[in-house]
Amino acid sequence: MNRYFIKVYGRVQGVGFRFNTEYLADHFSLTGWVKNCDDGTVEIEAQGQEDDIEAFKIKIQQGNRFIKVKDVYLKKIDVLYEEKSFRIIY
C-alpha cells in the first residue's frame, strides 16, 4: 500500500478532470481525493497498490480531447489506513 501527493499542470480545470480522476480512481480501486487549486492546477492524493497508482498516473497523463496534461509531479507520502473511498473536494 502506497500513497502519493500528485500535482497536475495543464488544461485541467473546467474540462471534467476531477470527475475523470474520480472515475479512474474507482476503476483502479484507489482511495484519496482530488481538488482544484487557485493557480489552475489540480491536486490529488491517491492511495493503493503501486501498480494501480502507476496505471492511474498514466491514464491521467493521457487526458482526452478536452483535458491536456502538461506535467505531473509526484511525491510519496504517509498512508492513511482509515480512508475508504475517493472523493472530489470542492
PDB file of N, CA and C in Angstrom:
ATOM      1  N   MET A   1       0.851  -1.183   0.000  1.00  0.00           N
ATOM      2  CA  MET A   1       0.000   0.000   0.000  1.00  0.00           C
ATOM      3  C   MET A   1       0.891   1.239   0.000  1.00  0.00           C
ATOM      4  N   ASN A   2       0.603   2.149  -0.923  1.00  0.00           N
ATOM      5  CA  ASN A   2       1.346   3.397  -1.044  1.00  0.00           C
ATOM      6  C   ASN A   2       0.376   4.558  -1.209  1.00  0.00           C
ATOM      7  N   ARG A   3       0.834   5.752  -0.882  1.00  0.00           N
ATOM      8  CA  ARG A   3       0.040   6.968  -1.056  1.00  0.00           C
ATOM      9  C   ARG A   3       0.938   8.029  -1.670  1.00  0.00           C
ATOM     10  N   TYR A   4       0.378   8.755  -2.648  1.00  0.00           N
ATOM     11  CA  TYR A   4       1.124   9.799  -3.330  1.00  0.00           C
ATOM     12  C   TYR A   4       0.336  11.101  -3.345  1.00  0.00           C
ATOM     13  N   PHE A   5       1.082  12.188  -3.186  1.00  0.00           N
ATOM     14  CA  PHE A   5       0.561  13.521  -3.481  1.00  0.00           C
ATOM     15  C   PHE A   5       0.921  13.769  -4.941  1.00  0.00           C
ATOM     16  N   ILE A   6      -0.077  14.196  -5.723  1.00  0.00           N
ATOM     17  CA  ILE A   6       0.123  14.414  -7.152  1.00  0.00           C
ATOM     18  C   ILE A   6      -0.364  15.815  -7.504  1.00  0.00           C
ATOM     19  N   LYS A   7       0.449  16.567  -8.217  1.00  0.00           N
ATOM     20  CA  LYS A   7       0.060  17.893  -8.702  1.00  0.00           C
ATOM     21  C   LYS A   7       0.078  17.835 -10.223  1.00  0.00           C
ATOM     22  N   VAL A   8      -1.048  18.243 -10.828  1.00  0.00           N
ATOM     23  CA  VAL A   8      -1.204  18.125 -12.271  1.00  0.00           C
ATOM     24  C   VAL A   8      -1.291  19.511 -12.892  1.00  0.00           C
ATOM     25  N   TYR A   9      -0.476  19.738 -13.931  1.00  0.00           N
ATOM     26  CA  TYR A   9      -0.397  21.014 -14.621  1.00  0.00           C
ATOM     27  C   TYR A   9      -0.937  20.863 -16.048  1.00  0.00           C
ATOM     28  N   GLY A  10      -1.544  21.915 -16.559  1.00  0.00           N
ATOM     29  CA  GLY A  10      -2.039  21.911 -17.928  1.00  0.00           C
ATOM     30  C   GLY A  10      -3.464  22.438 -17.971  1.00  0.00           C
ATOM     31  N   ARG A  11      -4.204  22.023 -18.999  1.00  0.00           N
ATOM     32  CA  ARG A  11      -5.623  22.395 -19.082  1.00  0.00           C
ATOM     33  C   ARG A  11      -6.399  21.319 -18.333  1.00  0.00           C
ATOM     34  N   VAL A  12      -6.554  21.553 -17.022  1.00  0.00           N
ATOM     35  CA  VAL A  12      -7.141  20.540 -16.142  1.00  0.00           C
ATOM     36  C   VAL A  12      -8.289  21.084 -15.292  1.00  0.00           C
ATOM     37  N   GLN A  13      -8.701  22.310 -15.539  1.00  0.00           N
ATOM     38  CA  GLN A  13      -9.859  22.862 -14.838  1.00  0.00           C
ATOM     39  C   GLN A  13     -10.905  23.272 -15.865  1.00  0.00           C
ATOM     40  N   GLY A  14     -12.169  23.018 -15.522  1.00  0.00           N
ATOM     41  CA  GLY A  14     -13.268  23.363 -16.415  1.00  0.00           C
ATOM     42  C   GLY A  14     -13.436  22.405 -17.581  1.00  0.00           C
ATOM     43  N   VAL A  15     -12.799  21.235 -17.493  1.00  0.00           N
ATOM     44  CA  VAL A  15     -12.853  20.257 -18.584  1.00  0.00           C
ATOM     45  C   VAL A  15     -13.239  18.859 -18.093  1.00  0.00           C
ATOM     46  N   GLY A  16     -13.740  18.747 -16.866  1.00  0.00           N
ATOM     47  CA  GLY A  16     -14.156  17.454 -16.316  1.00  0.00           C
ATOM     48  C   GLY A  16     -13.026  16.621 -15.741  1.00  0.00           C
ATOM     49  N   PHE A  17     -11.897  17.249 -15.477  1.00  0.00           N
ATOM     50  CA  PHE A  17     -10.738  16.494 -14.987  1.00  0.00           C
ATOM     51  C   PHE A  17     -11.010  15.815 -13.645  1.00  0.00           C
ATOM     52  N   ARG A  18     -11.630  16.529 -12.707  1.00  0.00           N
ATOM     53  CA  ARG A  18     -11.876  15.926 -11.390  1.00  0.00           C
ATOM     54  C   ARG A  18     -12.806  14.728 -11.482  1.00  0.00           C
ATOM     55  N   PHE A  19     -13.829  14.833 -12.315  1.00  0.00           N
ATOM     56  CA  PHE A  19     -14.765  13.718 -12.466  1.00  0.00           C
ATOM     57  C   PHE A  19     -14.095  12.530 -13.147  1.00  0.00           C
ATOM     58  N   ASN A  20     -13.260  12.808 -14.141  1.00  0.00           N
ATOM     59  CA  ASN A  20     -12.487  11.757 -14.795  1.00  0.00           C
ATOM     60  C   ASN A  20     -11.528  11.095 -13.806  1.00  0.00           C
ATOM     61  N   THR A  21     -10.901  11.900 -12.968  1.00  0.00           N
ATOM     62  CA  THR A  21      -9.975  11.385 -11.960  1.00  0.00           C
ATOM     63  C   THR A  21     -10.703  10.487 -10.967  1.00  0.00           C
ATOM     64  N   GLU A  22     -11.879  10.908 -10.531  1.00  0.00           N
ATOM     65  CA  GLU A  22     -12.675  10.091  -9.607  1.00  0.00           C
ATOM     66  C   GLU A  22     -13.051   8.761 -10.258  1.00  0.00           C
ATOM     67  N   TYR A  23     -13.462   8.800 -11.520  1.00  0.00           N
ATOM     68  CA  TYR A  23     -13.803   7.584 -12.254  1.00  0.00           C
ATOM     69  C   TYR A  23     -12.598   6.637 -12.333  1.00  0.00           C
ATOM     70  N   LEU A  24     -11.426   7.178 -12.696  1.00  0.00           N
ATOM     71  CA  LEU A  24     -10.215   6.361 -12.804  1.00  0.00           C
ATOM     72  C   LEU A  24      -9.802   5.789 -11.449  1.00  0.00           C
ATOM     73  N   ALA A  25      -9.915   6.596 -10.395  1.00  0.00           N
ATOM     74  CA  ALA A  25      -9.567   6.113  -9.052  1.00  0.00           C
ATOM     75  C   ALA A  25     -10.462   4.944  -8.667  1.00  0.00           C
ATOM     76  N   ASP A  26     -11.755   5.049  -8.949  1.00  0.00           N
ATOM     77  CA  ASP A  26     -12.669   3.938  -8.667  1.00  0.00           C
ATOM     78  C   ASP A  26     -12.301   2.716  -9.491  1.00  0.00           C
ATOM     79  N   HIS A  27     -11.974   2.939 -10.756  1.00  0.00           N
ATOM     80  CA  HIS A  27     -11.592   1.843 -11.656  1.00  0.00           C
ATOM     81  C   HIS A  27     -10.370   1.088 -11.122  1.00  0.00           C
ATOM     82  N   PHE A  28      -9.402   1.807 -10.577  1.00  0.00           N
ATOM     83  CA  PHE A  28      -8.173   1.195 -10.072  1.00  0.00           C
ATOM     84  C   PHE A  28      -8.221   0.910  -8.570  1.00  0.00           C
ATOM     85  N   SER A  29      -9.398   1.042  -7.955  1.00  0.00           N
ATOM     86  CA  SER A  29      -9.605   0.755  -6.526  1.00  0.00           C
ATOM     87  C   SER A  29      -8.691   1.584  -5.625  1.00  0.00           C
ATOM     88  N   LEU A  30      -8.564   2.866  -5.946  1.00  0.00           N
ATOM     89  CA  LEU A  30      -7.753   3.772  -5.143  1.00  0.00           C
ATOM     90  C   LEU A  30      -8.639   4.574  -4.205  1.00  0.00           C
ATOM     91  N   THR A  31      -8.067   5.009  -3.095  1.00  0.00           N
ATOM     92  CA  THR A  31      -8.736   5.945  -2.199  1.00  0.00           C
ATOM     93  C   THR A  31      -7.987   7.271  -2.263  1.00  0.00           C
ATOM     94  N   GLY A  32      -8.618   8.327  -1.714  1.00  0.00           N
ATOM     95  CA  GLY A  32      -7.961   9.629  -1.691  1.00  0.00           C
ATOM     96  C   GLY A  32      -8.917  10.728  -2.070  1.00  0.00           C
ATOM     97  N   TRP A  33      -8.375  11.758  -2.729  1.00  0.00           N
ATOM     98  CA  TRP A  33      -9.185  12.908  -3.111  1.00  0.00           C
ATOM     99  C   TRP A  33      -8.548  13.660  -4.263  1.00  0.00           C
ATOM    100  N   VAL A  34      -9.352  14.549  -4.871  1.00  0.00           N
ATOM    101  CA  VAL A  34      -8.890  15.440  -5.934  1.00  0.00           C
ATOM    102  C   VAL A  34      -9.530  16.804  -5.715  1.00  0.00           C
ATOM    103  N   LYS A  35      -8.771  17.872  -5.979  1.00  0.00           N
ATOM    104  CA  LYS A  35      -9.337  19.215  -5.839  1.00  0.00           C
ATOM    105  C   LYS A  35      -8.638  20.196  -6.778  1.00  0.00           C
ATOM    106  N   ASN A  36      -9.401  21.211  -7.205  1.00  0.00           N
ATOM    107  CA  ASN A  36      -8.846  22.313  -7.988  1.00  0.00           C
ATOM    108  C   ASN A  36      -8.086  23.255  -7.071  1.00  0.00           C
ATOM    109  N   CYS A  37      -7.039  23.871  -7.604  1.00  0.00           N
ATOM    110  CA  CYS A  37      -6.271  24.879  -6.880  1.00  0.00           C
ATOM    111  C   CYS A  37      -6.468  26.238  -7.556  1.00  0.00           C
ATOM    112  N   ASP A  38      -6.254  27.293  -6.790  1.00  0.00           N
ATOM    113  CA  ASP A  38      -6.435  28.651  -7.298  1.00  0.00           C
ATOM    114  C   ASP A  38      -5.484  28.996  -8.445  1.00  0.00           C
ATOM    115  N   ASP A  39      -4.361  28.302  -8.543  1.00  0.00           N
ATOM    116  CA  ASP A  39      -3.378  28.614  -9.585  1.00  0.00           C
ATOM    117  C   ASP A  39      -3.645  27.885 -10.910  1.00  0.00           C
ATOM    118  N   GLY A  40      -4.784  27.181 -11.017  1.00  0.00           N
ATOM    119  CA  GLY A  40      -5.144  26.488 -12.249  1.00  0.00           C
ATOM    120  C   GLY A  40      -4.683  25.051 -12.323  1.00  0.00           C
ATOM    121  N   THR A  41      -3.979  24.590 -11.298  1.00  0.00           N
ATOM    122  CA  THR A  41      -3.548  23.194 -11.240  1.00  0.00           C
ATOM    123  C   THR A  41      -4.592  22.373 -10.493  1.00  0.00           C
ATOM    124  N   VAL A  42      -4.364  21.080 -10.438  1.00  0.00           N
ATOM    125  CA  VAL A  42      -5.214  20.176  -9.667  1.00  0.00           C
ATOM    126  C   VAL A  42      -4.311  19.347  -8.761  1.00  0.00           C
ATOM    127  N   GLU A  43      -4.725  19.190  -7.506  1.00  0.00           N
ATOM    128  CA  GLU A  43      -4.000  18.350  -6.554  1.00  0.00           C
ATOM    129  C   GLU A  43      -4.791  17.073  -6.317  1.00  0.00           C
ATOM    130  N   ILE A  44      -4.033  15.989  -6.152  1.00  0.00           N
ATOM    131  CA  ILE A  44      -4.611  14.671  -5.907  1.00  0.00           C
ATOM    132  C   ILE A  44      -3.807  14.000  -4.808  1.00  0.00           C
ATOM    133  N   GLU A  45      -4.484  13.288  -3.931  1.00  0.00           N
ATOM    134  CA  GLU A  45      -3.823  12.297  -3.086  1.00  0.00           C
ATOM    135  C   GLU A  45      -4.459  10.972  -3.443  1.00  0.00           C
ATOM    136  N   ALA A  46      -3.631  10.015  -3.828  1.00  0.00           N
ATOM    137  CA  ALA A  46      -4.116   8.710  -4.264  1.00  0.00           C
ATOM    138  C   ALA A  46      -3.385   7.622  -3.495  1.00  0.00           C
ATOM    139  N   GLN A  47      -4.164   6.643  -3.054  1.00  0.00           N
ATOM    140  CA  GLN A  47      -3.612   5.562  -2.227  1.00  0.00           C
ATOM    141  C   GLN A  47      -4.085   4.221  -2.758  1.00  0.00           C
ATOM    142  N   GLY A  48      -3.155   3.270  -2.838  1.00  0.00           N
ATOM    143  CA  GLY A  48      -3.489   1.928  -3.292  1.00  0.00           C
ATOM    144  C   GLY A  48      -2.217   1.153  -3.597  1.00  0.00           C
ATOM    145  N   GLN A  49      -2.382   0.098  -4.365  1.00  0.00           N
ATOM    146  CA  GLN A  49      -1.241  -0.723  -4.760  1.00  0.00           C
ATOM    147  C   GLN A  49      -0.394   0.030  -5.780  1.00  0.00           C
ATOM    148  N   GLU A  50       0.900  -0.164  -5.731  1.00  0.00           N
ATOM    149  CA  GLU A  50       1.830   0.578  -6.584  1.00  0.00           C
ATOM    150  C   GLU A  50       1.490   0.440  -8.069  1.00  0.00           C
ATOM    151  N   ASP A  51       1.177  -0.768  -8.523  1.00  0.00           N
ATOM    152  CA  ASP A  51       0.845  -0.971  -9.940  1.00  0.00           C
ATOM    153  C   ASP A  51      -0.405  -0.199 -10.341  1.00  0.00           C
ATOM    154  N   ASP A  52      -1.401  -0.155  -9.447  1.00  0.00           N
ATOM    155  CA  ASP A  52      -2.643   0.568  -9.732  1.00  0.00           C
ATOM    156  C   ASP A  52      -2.401   2.077  -9.783  1.00  0.00           C
ATOM    157  N   ILE A  53      -1.563   2.573  -8.891  1.00  0.00           N
ATOM    158  CA  ILE A  53      -1.245   4.004  -8.898  1.00  0.00           C
ATOM    159  C   ILE A  53      -0.488   4.375 -10.167  1.00  0.00           C
ATOM    160  N   GLU A  54       0.426   3.533 -10.596  1.00  0.00           N
ATOM    161  CA  GLU A  54       1.175   3.800 -11.831  1.00  0.00           C
ATOM    162  C   GLU A  54       0.237   3.820 -13.036  1.00  0.00           C
ATOM    163  N   ALA A  55      -0.680   2.872 -13.120  1.00  0.00           N
ATOM    164  CA  ALA A  55      -1.646   2.840 -14.221  1.00  0.00           C
ATOM    165  C   ALA A  55      -2.564   4.067 -14.173  1.00  0.00           C
ATOM    166  N   PHE A  56      -2.974   4.466 -12.972  1.00  0.00           N
ATOM    167  CA  PHE A  56      -3.796   5.659 -12.756  1.00  0.00           C
ATOM    168  C   PHE A  56      -3.063   6.896 -13.272  1.00  0.00           C
ATOM    169  N   LYS A  57      -1.795   7.026 -12.924  1.00  0.00           N
ATOM    170  CA  LYS A  57      -0.986   8.170 -13.355  1.00  0.00           C
ATOM    171  C   LYS A  57      -0.876   8.219 -14.878  1.00  0.00           C
ATOM    172  N   ILE A  58      -0.650   7.090 -15.495  1.00  0.00           N
ATOM    173  CA  ILE A  58      -0.542   7.027 -16.958  1.00  0.00           C
ATOM    174  C   ILE A  58      -1.850   7.468 -17.609  1.00  0.00           C
ATOM    175  N   LYS A  59      -2.978   6.987 -17.101  1.00  0.00           N
ATOM    176  CA  LYS A  59      -4.281   7.360 -17.661  1.00  0.00           C
ATOM    177  C   LYS A  59      -4.561   8.846 -17.485  1.00  0.00           C
ATOM    178  N   ILE A  60      -4.194   9.398 -16.337  1.00  0.00           N
ATOM    179  CA  ILE A  60      -4.380  10.835 -16.111  1.00  0.00           C
ATOM    180  C   ILE A  60      -3.561  11.636 -17.123  1.00  0.00           C
ATOM    181  N   GLN A  61      -2.330  11.229 -17.356  1.00  0.00           N
ATOM    182  CA  GLN A  61      -1.448  11.955 -18.277  1.00  0.00           C
ATOM    183  C   GLN A  61      -1.952  11.910 -19.713  1.00  0.00           C
ATOM    184  N   GLN A  62      -2.673  10.862 -20.074  1.00  0.00           N
ATOM    185  CA  GLN A  62      -3.190  10.747 -21.437  1.00  0.00           C
ATOM    186  C   GLN A  62      -4.262  11.789 -21.727  1.00  0.00           C
ATOM    187  N   GLY A  63      -5.036  12.168 -20.703  1.00  0.00           N
ATOM    188  CA  GLY A  63      -6.089  13.149 -20.898  1.00  0.00           C
ATOM    189  C   GLY A  63      -7.122  12.666 -21.893  1.00  0.00           C
ATOM    190  N   ASN A  64      -7.748  13.615 -22.585  1.00  0.00           N
ATOM    191  CA  ASN A  64      -8.704  13.316 -23.650  1.00  0.00           C
ATOM    192  C   ASN A  64      -8.762  14.534 -24.567  1.00  0.00           C
ATOM    193  N   ARG A  65      -9.796  14.668 -25.367  1.00  0.00           N
ATOM    194  CA  ARG A  65      -9.815  15.801 -26.302  1.00  0.00           C
ATOM    195  C   ARG A  65      -9.999  17.144 -25.611  1.00  0.00           C
ATOM    196  N   PHE A  66     -10.428  17.140 -24.345  1.00  0.00           N
ATOM    197  CA  PHE A  66     -10.594  18.374 -23.573  1.00  0.00           C
ATOM    198  C   PHE A  66      -9.459  18.569 -22.571  1.00  0.00           C
ATOM    199  N   ILE A  67      -9.080  17.496 -21.906  1.00  0.00           N
ATOM    200  CA  ILE A  67      -8.043  17.530 -20.870  1.00  0.00           C
ATOM    201  C   ILE A  67      -6.672  17.427 -21.537  1.00  0.00           C
ATOM    202  N   LYS A  68      -5.804  18.394 -21.244  1.00  0.00           N
ATOM    203  CA  LYS A  68      -4.440  18.400 -21.789  1.00  0.00           C
ATOM    204  C   LYS A  68      -3.447  18.550 -20.638  1.00  0.00           C
ATOM    205  N   VAL A  69      -2.858  17.457 -20.228  1.00  0.00           N
ATOM    206  CA  VAL A  69      -1.902  17.461 -19.118  1.00  0.00           C
ATOM    207  C   VAL A  69      -0.513  17.776 -19.668  1.00  0.00           C
ATOM    208  N   LYS A  70       0.122  18.788 -19.078  1.00  0.00           N
ATOM    209  CA  LYS A  70       1.475  19.176 -19.496  1.00  0.00           C
ATOM    210  C   LYS A  70       2.549  18.560 -18.611  1.00  0.00           C
ATOM    211  N   ASP A  71       2.255  18.430 -17.306  1.00  0.00           N
ATOM    212  CA  ASP A  71       3.256  17.912 -16.375  1.00  0.00           C
ATOM    213  C   ASP A  71       2.551  17.340 -15.151  1.00  0.00           C
ATOM    214  N   VAL A  72       3.199  16.361 -14.536  1.00  0.00           N
ATOM    215  CA  VAL A  72       2.687  15.736 -13.315  1.00  0.00           C
ATOM    216  C   VAL A  72       3.839  15.609 -12.324  1.00  0.00           C
ATOM    217  N   TYR A  73       3.606  16.089 -11.104  1.00  0.00           N
ATOM    218  CA  TYR A  73       4.591  15.984 -10.018  1.00  0.00           C
ATOM    219  C   TYR A  73       4.063  14.960  -9.018  1.00  0.00           C
ATOM    220  N   LEU A  74       4.892  14.026  -8.598  1.00  0.00           N
ATOM    221  CA  LEU A  74       4.511  13.013  -7.608  1.00  0.00           C
ATOM    222  C   LEU A  74       5.455  13.049  -6.420  1.00  0.00           C
ATOM    223  N   LYS A  75       4.879  12.844  -5.255  1.00  0.00           N
ATOM    224  CA  LYS A  75       5.681  12.741  -4.035  1.00  0.00           C
ATOM    225  C   LYS A  75       5.030  11.681  -3.152  1.00  0.00           C
ATOM    226  N   LYS A  76       5.806  10.713  -2.721  1.00  0.00           N
ATOM    227  CA  LYS A  76       5.294   9.666  -1.841  1.00  0.00           C
ATOM    228  C   LYS A  76       5.055  10.259  -0.455  1.00  0.00           C
ATOM    229  N   ILE A  77       3.883   9.964   0.117  1.00  0.00           N
ATOM    230  CA  ILE A  77       3.522  10.472   1.440  1.00  0.00           C
ATOM    231  C   ILE A  77       3.017   9.317   2.311  1.00  0.00           C
ATOM    232  N   ASP A  78       2.711   9.629   3.565  1.00  0.00           N
ATOM    233  CA  ASP A  78       2.270   8.607   4.510  1.00  0.00           C
ATOM    234  C   ASP A  78       0.887   8.059   4.158  1.00  0.00           C
ATOM    235  N   VAL A  79       0.726   6.757   4.321  1.00  0.00           N
ATOM    236  CA  VAL A  79      -0.541   6.068   4.062  1.00  0.00           C
ATOM    237  C   VAL A  79      -1.558   6.425   5.140  1.00  0.00           C
ATOM    238  N   LEU A  80      -2.821   6.598   4.744  1.00  0.00           N
ATOM    239  CA  LEU A  80      -3.944   6.806   5.672  1.00  0.00           C
ATOM    240  C   LEU A  80      -4.786   5.533   5.654  1.00  0.00           C
ATOM    241  N   TYR A  81      -4.541   4.658   6.596  1.00  0.00           N
ATOM    242  CA  TYR A  81      -5.184   3.345   6.591  1.00  0.00           C
ATOM    243  C   TYR A  81      -6.689   3.409   6.803  1.00  0.00           C
ATOM    244  N   GLU A  82      -7.182   4.461   7.472  1.00  0.00           N
ATOM    245  CA  GLU A  82      -8.614   4.555   7.761  1.00  0.00           C
ATOM    246  C   GLU A  82      -9.431   5.039   6.564  1.00  0.00           C
ATOM    247  N   GLU A  83      -8.796   5.502   5.510  1.00  0.00           N
ATOM    248  CA  GLU A  83      -9.506   6.028   4.349  1.00  0.00           C
ATOM    249  C   GLU A  83     -10.149   4.890   3.552  1.00  0.00           C
ATOM    250  N   LYS A  84     -11.419   5.098   3.148  1.00  0.00           N
ATOM    251  CA  LYS A  84     -12.168   4.023   2.492  1.00  0.00           C
ATOM    252  C   LYS A  84     -12.658   4.347   1.087  1.00  0.00           C
ATOM    253  N   SER A  85     -12.538   5.602   0.637  1.00  0.00           N
ATOM    254  CA  SER A  85     -13.090   5.962  -0.670  1.00  0.00           C
ATOM    255  C   SER A  85     -12.270   7.080  -1.307  1.00  0.00           C
ATOM    256  N   PHE A  86     -12.633   7.398  -2.544  1.00  0.00           N
ATOM    257  CA  PHE A  86     -12.030   8.502  -3.274  1.00  0.00           C
ATOM    258  C   PHE A  86     -13.100   9.561  -3.465  1.00  0.00           C
ATOM    259  N   ARG A  87     -12.745  10.835  -3.239  1.00  0.00           N
ATOM    260  CA  ARG A  87     -13.771  11.885  -3.317  1.00  0.00           C
ATOM    261  C   ARG A  87     -13.222  13.129  -3.983  1.00  0.00           C
ATOM    262  N   ILE A  88     -14.166  13.941  -4.470  1.00  0.00           N
ATOM    263  CA  ILE A  88     -13.846  15.247  -5.010  1.00  0.00           C
ATOM    264  C   ILE A  88     -14.023  16.256  -3.892  1.00  0.00           C
ATOM    265  N   ILE A  89     -13.025  17.104  -3.690  1.00  0.00           N
ATOM    266  CA  ILE A  89     -13.116  18.184  -2.697  1.00  0.00           C
ATOM    267  C   ILE A  89     -13.430  19.456  -3.447  1.00  0.00           C
ATOM    268  N   TYR A  90     -14.467  20.147  -2.986  1.00  0.00           N
ATOM    269  CA  TYR A  90     -14.876  21.412  -3.621  1.00  0.00           C
ATOM    270  C   TYR A  90     -14.403  22.595  -2.812  1.00  0.00           C
TER     271      TYR A  90
END
